[in-house]
Amino acid sequence: MADSKEFGIKSDGSRSEMEAVLDVKLEVTAVLGVAYMPISQILKLGRGAVVELERAVGEDIELHANNQLIAKGEVIVVDDRLGVTVNEVIKSPSG
């Protein structure tokens, strides 16, 4: 069983420095693939247009937090909604 220090609570009941950042919001992006095309071609796209991505079916997608790669995973469907399972957490070059 985890002790209170793991959850950011000090013995005197105050919040630890780590717990203070747990409420910070990050922009998380799931990158399904990338496509490069001239603006003239983008302007011709209409409803239902298909854009081929530089990623194969079944290949891991990338998860970015504030534009930094943090993990790789795969797309899943849960109750008619898309989700992502994390298969690998990417350690930062500095850590």
N, C-alpha and C. Protein backbone atom coordinates (compact mmCIF):
# COMPACT_ATOMS: atom_id res chain seq x y z
N MET A 1 0.84 -1.18 0.00
CA MET A 1 0.00 0.00 0.00
C MET A 1 0.88 1.24 0.00
N ALA A 2 0.48 2.26 -0.71
CA ALA A 2 1.27 3.48 -0.85
C ALA A 2 1.15 4.33 0.40
N ASP A 3 2.26 4.98 0.79
CA ASP A 3 2.17 5.89 1.92
C ASP A 3 1.84 7.29 1.43
N SER A 4 1.53 8.19 2.36
CA SER A 4 1.07 9.52 1.99
C SER A 4 2.13 10.33 1.24
N LYS A 5 3.42 10.01 1.42
CA LYS A 5 4.47 10.75 0.72
C LYS A 5 4.38 10.54 -0.79
N GLU A 6 3.92 9.34 -1.21
CA GLU A 6 3.79 9.07 -2.64
C GLU A 6 2.72 9.95 -3.27
N PHE A 7 1.76 10.40 -2.51
CA PHE A 7 0.68 11.21 -3.03
C PHE A 7 0.90 12.70 -2.81
N GLY A 8 2.11 13.07 -2.39
CA GLY A 8 2.43 14.48 -2.27
C GLY A 8 1.99 15.13 -0.97
N ILE A 9 1.68 14.33 0.06
CA ILE A 9 1.27 14.90 1.34
C ILE A 9 2.43 14.75 2.32
N LYS A 10 2.83 15.85 2.92
CA LYS A 10 3.90 15.81 3.92
C LYS A 10 3.31 15.39 5.25
N SER A 11 4.16 14.97 6.17
CA SER A 11 3.69 14.50 7.48
C SER A 11 2.92 15.59 8.23
N ASP A 12 3.18 16.85 7.94
CA ASP A 12 2.45 17.93 8.62
C ASP A 12 1.13 18.28 7.91
N GLY A 13 0.78 17.52 6.85
CA GLY A 13 -0.47 17.72 6.15
C GLY A 13 -0.42 18.72 5.01
N SER A 14 0.73 19.39 4.79
CA SER A 14 0.83 20.38 3.71
C SER A 14 1.10 19.69 2.37
N ARG A 15 0.86 20.42 1.30
CA ARG A 15 1.10 19.88 -0.05
C ARG A 15 2.58 19.93 -0.38
N SER A 16 3.07 18.90 -1.04
CA SER A 16 4.46 18.89 -1.47
C SER A 16 4.60 19.67 -2.78
N GLU A 17 5.84 19.93 -3.16
CA GLU A 17 6.09 20.64 -4.41
C GLU A 17 5.55 19.85 -5.60
N MET A 18 5.66 18.53 -5.57
CA MET A 18 5.19 17.70 -6.67
C MET A 18 3.67 17.80 -6.82
N GLU A 19 2.96 17.76 -5.72
CA GLU A 19 1.51 17.83 -5.80
C GLU A 19 1.05 19.18 -6.34
N ALA A 20 1.84 20.22 -6.11
CA ALA A 20 1.47 21.56 -6.57
C ALA A 20 1.39 21.64 -8.09
N VAL A 21 2.13 20.80 -8.81
CA VAL A 21 2.10 20.86 -10.27
C VAL A 21 1.11 19.88 -10.88
N LEU A 22 0.48 19.04 -10.08
CA LEU A 22 -0.43 18.04 -10.62
C LEU A 22 -1.67 18.64 -11.27
N ASP A 23 -2.04 19.85 -10.92
CA ASP A 23 -3.21 20.51 -11.51
C ASP A 23 -2.87 21.36 -12.73
N VAL A 24 -1.60 21.42 -13.11
CA VAL A 24 -1.19 22.20 -14.28
C VAL A 24 -1.69 21.50 -15.53
N LYS A 25 -2.36 22.24 -16.40
CA LYS A 25 -2.90 21.68 -17.63
C LYS A 25 -1.87 21.73 -18.75
N LEU A 26 -1.82 20.66 -19.54
CA LEU A 26 -0.94 20.56 -20.69
C LEU A 26 -1.79 20.29 -21.93
N GLU A 27 -1.34 20.78 -23.06
CA GLU A 27 -1.99 20.44 -24.32
C GLU A 27 -1.39 19.11 -24.78
N VAL A 28 -2.23 18.08 -24.87
CA VAL A 28 -1.78 16.76 -25.30
C VAL A 28 -2.31 16.52 -26.70
N THR A 29 -1.43 16.11 -27.60
CA THR A 29 -1.78 15.89 -29.00
C THR A 29 -1.44 14.46 -29.38
N ALA A 30 -2.38 13.76 -30.01
CA ALA A 30 -2.13 12.44 -30.56
C ALA A 30 -1.89 12.61 -32.05
N VAL A 31 -0.68 12.33 -32.50
CA VAL A 31 -0.31 12.53 -33.90
C VAL A 31 -0.53 11.22 -34.65
N LEU A 32 -1.57 11.22 -35.47
CA LEU A 32 -1.90 10.02 -36.25
C LEU A 32 -0.98 9.86 -37.45
N GLY A 33 -0.45 10.96 -37.93
CA GLY A 33 0.43 10.94 -39.09
C GLY A 33 0.65 12.35 -39.58
N VAL A 34 1.50 12.47 -40.58
CA VAL A 34 1.84 13.79 -41.13
C VAL A 34 1.73 13.71 -42.64
N ALA A 35 1.25 14.79 -43.23
CA ALA A 35 1.18 14.90 -44.68
C ALA A 35 1.73 16.27 -45.08
N TYR A 36 2.51 16.31 -46.13
CA TYR A 36 3.06 17.56 -46.66
C TYR A 36 2.45 17.78 -48.03
N MET A 37 1.87 18.98 -48.22
CA MET A 37 1.28 19.30 -49.52
C MET A 37 1.29 20.81 -49.70
N PRO A 38 1.31 21.24 -50.94
CA PRO A 38 1.28 22.68 -51.20
C PRO A 38 -0.06 23.29 -50.81
N ILE A 39 -0.03 24.56 -50.46
CA ILE A 39 -1.24 25.27 -50.07
C ILE A 39 -2.31 25.18 -51.15
N SER A 40 -1.90 25.25 -52.40
CA SER A 40 -2.88 25.17 -53.49
C SER A 40 -3.66 23.85 -53.44
N GLN A 41 -3.01 22.77 -53.05
CA GLN A 41 -3.69 21.48 -52.95
C GLN A 41 -4.59 21.45 -51.71
N ILE A 42 -4.15 22.05 -50.62
CA ILE A 42 -4.97 22.12 -49.40
C ILE A 42 -6.26 22.89 -49.67
N LEU A 43 -6.15 23.99 -50.43
CA LEU A 43 -7.33 24.80 -50.73
C LEU A 43 -8.35 24.06 -51.59
N LYS A 44 -7.92 23.04 -52.31
CA LYS A 44 -8.83 22.26 -53.16
C LYS A 44 -9.53 21.15 -52.38
N LEU A 45 -9.12 20.90 -51.14
CA LEU A 45 -9.74 19.84 -50.36
C LEU A 45 -11.18 20.21 -50.03
N GLY A 46 -12.04 19.25 -50.13
CA GLY A 46 -13.44 19.46 -49.78
C GLY A 46 -13.90 18.42 -48.79
N ARG A 47 -15.15 18.50 -48.44
CA ARG A 47 -15.72 17.54 -47.50
C ARG A 47 -15.56 16.12 -48.04
N GLY A 48 -15.08 15.23 -47.19
CA GLY A 48 -14.89 13.84 -47.59
C GLY A 48 -13.56 13.56 -48.27
N ALA A 49 -12.73 14.59 -48.42
CA ALA A 49 -11.42 14.39 -49.05
C ALA A 49 -10.57 13.47 -48.18
N VAL A 50 -9.75 12.69 -48.82
CA VAL A 50 -8.85 11.77 -48.11
C VAL A 50 -7.43 12.28 -48.28
N VAL A 51 -6.74 12.42 -47.15
CA VAL A 51 -5.35 12.86 -47.16
C VAL A 51 -4.51 11.68 -46.68
N GLU A 52 -3.58 11.25 -47.52
CA GLU A 52 -2.71 10.13 -47.18
C GLU A 52 -1.64 10.59 -46.20
N LEU A 53 -1.50 9.85 -45.10
CA LEU A 53 -0.53 10.19 -44.06
C LEU A 53 0.72 9.33 -44.19
N GLU A 54 1.82 9.87 -43.70
CA GLU A 54 3.10 9.14 -43.75
C GLU A 54 3.22 8.20 -42.54
N ARG A 55 2.25 7.33 -42.40
CA ARG A 55 2.28 6.35 -41.31
C ARG A 55 1.47 5.14 -41.76
N ALA A 56 1.95 3.96 -41.46
CA ALA A 56 1.28 2.73 -41.88
C ALA A 56 0.22 2.33 -40.86
N VAL A 57 -0.79 1.61 -41.31
CA VAL A 57 -1.81 1.07 -40.41
C VAL A 57 -1.13 0.13 -39.43
N GLY A 58 -1.48 0.27 -38.15
CA GLY A 58 -0.89 -0.58 -37.12
C GLY A 58 0.38 -0.03 -36.51
N GLU A 59 0.95 1.00 -37.13
CA GLU A 59 2.15 1.63 -36.59
C GLU A 59 1.76 2.52 -35.41
N ASP A 60 2.62 2.56 -34.39
CA ASP A 60 2.33 3.39 -33.22
C ASP A 60 2.15 4.85 -33.60
N ILE A 61 1.23 5.52 -32.90
CA ILE A 61 1.08 6.96 -33.05
C ILE A 61 1.93 7.64 -31.98
N GLU A 62 2.17 8.92 -32.14
CA GLU A 62 2.97 9.68 -31.18
C GLU A 62 2.05 10.51 -30.30
N LEU A 63 2.40 10.62 -29.03
CA LEU A 63 1.70 11.49 -28.09
C LEU A 63 2.65 12.61 -27.70
N HIS A 64 2.18 13.84 -27.86
CA HIS A 64 2.99 15.02 -27.54
C HIS A 64 2.31 15.80 -26.43
N ALA A 65 3.10 16.35 -25.51
CA ALA A 65 2.60 17.28 -24.50
C ALA A 65 3.34 18.58 -24.72
N ASN A 66 2.58 19.64 -24.99
CA ASN A 66 3.18 20.94 -25.32
C ASN A 66 4.24 20.81 -26.41
N ASN A 67 3.90 20.09 -27.46
CA ASN A 67 4.74 19.89 -28.65
C ASN A 67 6.01 19.09 -28.40
N GLN A 68 6.09 18.36 -27.31
CA GLN A 68 7.25 17.51 -27.03
C GLN A 68 6.79 16.06 -26.98
N LEU A 69 7.51 15.18 -27.70
CA LEU A 69 7.17 13.76 -27.72
C LEU A 69 7.31 13.19 -26.31
N ILE A 70 6.24 12.58 -25.79
CA ILE A 70 6.29 11.99 -24.45
C ILE A 70 5.99 10.49 -24.44
N ALA A 71 5.31 9.99 -25.49
CA ALA A 71 4.95 8.58 -25.49
C ALA A 71 4.55 8.13 -26.88
N LYS A 72 4.48 6.80 -27.05
CA LYS A 72 3.96 6.20 -28.28
C LYS A 72 2.85 5.24 -27.86
N GLY A 73 1.85 5.13 -28.71
CA GLY A 73 0.72 4.27 -28.38
C GLY A 73 -0.08 3.91 -29.60
N GLU A 74 -1.29 3.42 -29.37
CA GLU A 74 -2.15 3.04 -30.48
C GLU A 74 -3.57 3.53 -30.23
N VAL A 75 -4.29 3.73 -31.32
CA VAL A 75 -5.66 4.22 -31.26
C VAL A 75 -6.58 3.05 -30.92
N ILE A 76 -7.54 3.30 -30.01
CA ILE A 76 -8.56 2.31 -29.68
C ILE A 76 -9.93 2.98 -29.76
N VAL A 77 -10.98 2.17 -29.82
CA VAL A 77 -12.34 2.68 -29.82
C VAL A 77 -13.01 2.22 -28.54
N VAL A 78 -13.59 3.18 -27.80
CA VAL A 78 -14.28 2.87 -26.56
C VAL A 78 -15.66 3.54 -26.63
N ASP A 79 -16.71 2.73 -26.68
CA ASP A 79 -18.07 3.26 -26.74
C ASP A 79 -18.24 4.33 -27.82
N ASP A 80 -17.88 4.03 -29.04
CA ASP A 80 -18.01 4.94 -30.19
C ASP A 80 -17.15 6.19 -30.09
N ARG A 81 -16.16 6.20 -29.23
CA ARG A 81 -15.23 7.33 -29.12
C ARG A 81 -13.82 6.80 -29.30
N LEU A 82 -12.95 7.66 -29.81
CA LEU A 82 -11.55 7.27 -29.98
C LEU A 82 -10.77 7.53 -28.72
N GLY A 83 -9.81 6.66 -28.43
CA GLY A 83 -8.91 6.83 -27.30
C GLY A 83 -7.53 6.37 -27.71
N VAL A 84 -6.59 6.47 -26.82
CA VAL A 84 -5.22 6.06 -27.10
C VAL A 84 -4.70 5.24 -25.92
N THR A 85 -4.11 4.10 -26.21
CA THR A 85 -3.41 3.35 -25.18
C THR A 85 -1.93 3.67 -25.31
N VAL A 86 -1.26 3.84 -24.18
CA VAL A 86 0.17 4.16 -24.18
C VAL A 86 0.96 2.86 -24.16
N ASN A 87 1.82 2.67 -25.16
CA ASN A 87 2.66 1.47 -25.24
C ASN A 87 4.08 1.73 -24.76
N GLU A 88 4.54 2.96 -24.87
CA GLU A 88 5.92 3.28 -24.51
C GLU A 88 6.01 4.74 -24.08
N VAL A 89 6.60 4.98 -22.93
CA VAL A 89 6.84 6.33 -22.47
C VAL A 89 8.25 6.72 -22.90
N ILE A 90 8.37 7.89 -23.52
CA ILE A 90 9.65 8.36 -24.03
C ILE A 90 10.31 9.25 -22.99
N LYS A 91 11.51 8.89 -22.60
CA LYS A 91 12.24 9.71 -21.63
C LYS A 91 12.83 10.90 -22.35
N SER A 92 12.83 12.04 -21.67
CA SER A 92 13.38 13.26 -22.28
C SER A 92 14.89 13.13 -22.39
N PRO A 93 15.50 13.79 -23.39
CA PRO A 93 16.95 13.73 -23.57
C PRO A 93 17.70 14.24 -22.34
N SER A 94 17.10 15.17 -21.60
CA SER A 94 17.77 15.76 -20.44
C SER A 94 17.61 14.89 -19.19
N GLY A 95 16.70 13.89 -19.22
CA GLY A 95 16.44 13.11 -18.03
C GLY A 95 16.79 11.72 -18.24
